[in-house]
Structure formats: C-alpha cells, structure tokens
Amino acid sequence: MQDFTRRTLLQGGTALAATGMLTGPALFDFAKAWAQSAPWKAEPGAKLTVMRWKRFVPQEDDAFNAMVAAFKAATGTEMNVFSESFEDVQPKASVAANTGSGLDLAWGLHTLPQLFPTKVLKMNDVADYLGKKYGGWTDAAAKTCKQGNDWLGIPVATNGGYMTYRKSALEKAGFKEFPKDFPGFLEMCKALKKNNTPAGFALGHASGDGNSWLHWVLWGHGAYTVDQNDKIIINSPETAKALEYCKGLYESFIPGTASWNDSSNNKAFLAGELYCTANGISIYVAAKTDASKKELAADTYHALWPVGPVGKPTELQLALPILAFNFTKYPNAAKAFVAFMLEKENYEKWLDGAQGYLTQTLNAYESAPIWTADPKNAVFAQASKRTLPASGIGTVGEKAATAIADFIVVDMFANYCAGAKDAKGAMAEAERQLKRIYR
C-alpha cells in the first residue's frame, strides 16, 4: 500500500518532465487552484483507500502516482492506494461490498459497478460535470456505468486491446496486410503455425484477454448470451458456428493457451515464441523500452479486429470503471478525486504515460497527443467507440456483469476447444449457468 506525499509528487513530476506536460510544482499549483473551485470539497480529515488494477506500463504508474500525490497535497486527503491483478480486483471488491468496510473506491474492469448497485455512491453529478466539460461520453462507456438514469460509477478509461503481430512473420506466411474478416484470419493463423511462428490467445480465466477475444468470436457470428429482453439465447446454431470457428483457431495456436492468464501472451510474445495475439499496447511499449528488443519492437505492428459474418465490429474492449462505495465516510473527497482524475491537466498526461495502453471515454480526448506521437498508437484511439458493452445486446446490469465475472463464455469455448465437451454439451452447460443468473 502506498501513502502519497508532496515528495512523491515531485518525484513523479521529474519522471514525467520529458513529456512537456504539467508536472511537479506546476501540477501542484493546478491541483491547489482546482480544489478551491471544484464542486466537491473534501471532508476535513478525509482518508481514502483505493484499490486499482495493477499497471502494465510503468510510466502510467508514474503519471497516476503524481496525480494522486497532487490531489493529496491540494485537498489534505490521505490517499492509500494499492494494486491488484485483474483477476483479484472483483473478488476483493465483493468482500468490501459484503462487509461494508476496507475500501472507499474500487477501480476495476468490465461492468464492476453493476455487481453492487445497492452498495455504490451515485455519481450523477460527477458524470454530468465531466460530460458537459469534455464533449460527452462514448456510448459503451456510459452504458457500462449506468442503471437507468443513475451513474453507479465513472468509466475512467478503456483498455484497448488490438491485434498485435510480427510483420515479418505475416509476410513470410504470404500476407501483405492483416486480414479484415474471419476466414482470412483463420487462414493466416494456420499459415503462421505451418511456419512455426504461431498465434496464441488466452483460453484460460484471463479476465481481460480471454473474455475480450472469445466474446468477439461469439458476437462476430451473431451469437449472444441473451437477447435485447435478456432472454437466454446462447444455445443456438450461431453459437455452434462460433465454437467450430474457434476450434479451428485453437488448433493453430501455440501450445498451452488453455491455461493462460492475462500476462501469458505478453511474456510469450516478448520471448519471441508468439507472433500474433490480441493485447493492449503494453507488449509494444515493453519492447520499445528494452534495448535488447529493438528489433522486435520495429517488427511489431497493430491492427483492428477482423469483422465476422455479422458484417460489423463486435469488439469487447476492457472498460475500466471506478466506483465509490456508499459506506465511505468521505463521499465528497471520493467524488472530488474521481473528477480530478479526468480533468485535462491530469488526463492527457496520464494517457501519455500509458503510451496508448489506455483510451479515453470522454470525446474531447480523441485529439490527445498520444494518438499521433507514434503511428503504431493510432489504432488504439478507436477502442472506446468500437466496443460493445460487456452485455452485448442485452441489458447492462448486475446479471451481465456476473456472467462476465464467472467466465461463462470463456469456459464454453474452452470446454469445446480443449475437448472436454462436445458443442451441444458446451452450449448446454453455458445455458444452465446463465439460467442461474438470469432468474
């Protein structure tokens, strides 16, 4: 757990000075002025305990730490921040929600606020303030956090995951550009395997990677867990086609993907064992910042997800919403901190620190400098606008969030691809689990 002081702020500012953005003492001066005029005044003696997902890009951590330290220095709020892996955020947030203690704010993934609709502090005023100031929210981001007209949390960012590949391997396999449709993508993966330069995508309980690409396959075939009225429709001919297509992909993958977590593909790609995967920009950033991997970085490129038989994008990008629990003793400080995070003076610097790993959910930040700083960054700027909400075409809410958290779609594909069940059995198991949720 980290306690943030003004010294931390100055250290973070030094680390970020090269960006030319607001850092160090200048950031402190902005924070102080902001705190004096902000709609929310932190309670005297406020102390906030914040759980966040564990960063994948160190420079993002530097920018975030500087932001936290500036908020503490300007408002007097004690800030205790700790990080957890993607897989551990939701269980630990659930413990806090059930016990009514331990956390003030939880910053997680997908539709986390929807898991605890009666335990969260409504954020309507924060959402309105930021939306009016910064050009409104992207559609999927807003749906992630809204229940009716109420905002259960704030969609801070989207972790855009896109196809990450070695250009030389693609060209050797006979592809001048990355395929734009499902048949072409499957043929490419088969060709990569034939050349011993395989692709690989997580089939294990990878909260980000596994859910993202397998929902893309499902939705791309016009299959969904539930329809617009939340009627369960997973057991369908479209799902069967998605399973069969996925099995073809799986047979071309590098061995071991059935047990991969969210960091497995990063490690394999950087080790030179993997030549195509879906990931945030963190693989490319890690290669760029490692002197021994300059050749790999130069050979690494990004592409949009291919489009399936439905004829339109069916991406599931990783939403990163933050919520404040309604049992916090310091609701004004919590709201102030969330609003402060997304102010231009902080947010663009933070996006820059993330180096493309994070994408804006407020439309005004589409022109942030990070998206033109490197041509390989540009594709990630589209993530929040191209994604569907985690519920697909169904209702965004606690039930859809539970289905994601319980890996129902992931397990269905894994059961079939790894041979644990046939297609009918895999679909029937997913249907049975969904019926327990959508009662």
Foldseek 3Di string as FASTA:
>chain_A
DDKAALVLQQVLQVVLVVVVAQGRPSLLVVLQVCQVPPPFAWDVAAEFEEEEADDLFVLLVSLVSNLVNSNCSNRVYTYHYDHDHQLVQLVVVVVCQVVVDDGFKGKHKFLSLQQRVPFFDWQLVLQVVLQVVFVHFADQQQLSQDDVSTGQFHQFWWQFKFKKFFCVLQVVLPHNDADQELVSNLSSQQSSLVVQAHAAFALAVALFGLLWVLQQLLVLLVAAQAAAARHGDLQDPSVLVSLVSVLSNVVSHDPDRNHDYQCVVLVCLQVSNHGIYIGGCSSLVVLVVDPVRVVVNVRMATDHDHHHPVPAGAGAIMTTIMTGTPSRPTVSSVSVSSSSCPPPSSPLSSCVSSLLSIEDRRVNCLVRPSLVPDVRNVVSNCRSNRYHRQNRSYRNHSLSVVLSSVCLSSQLSSCPSVVVDPNNVSSVVSSVVSVVSSD
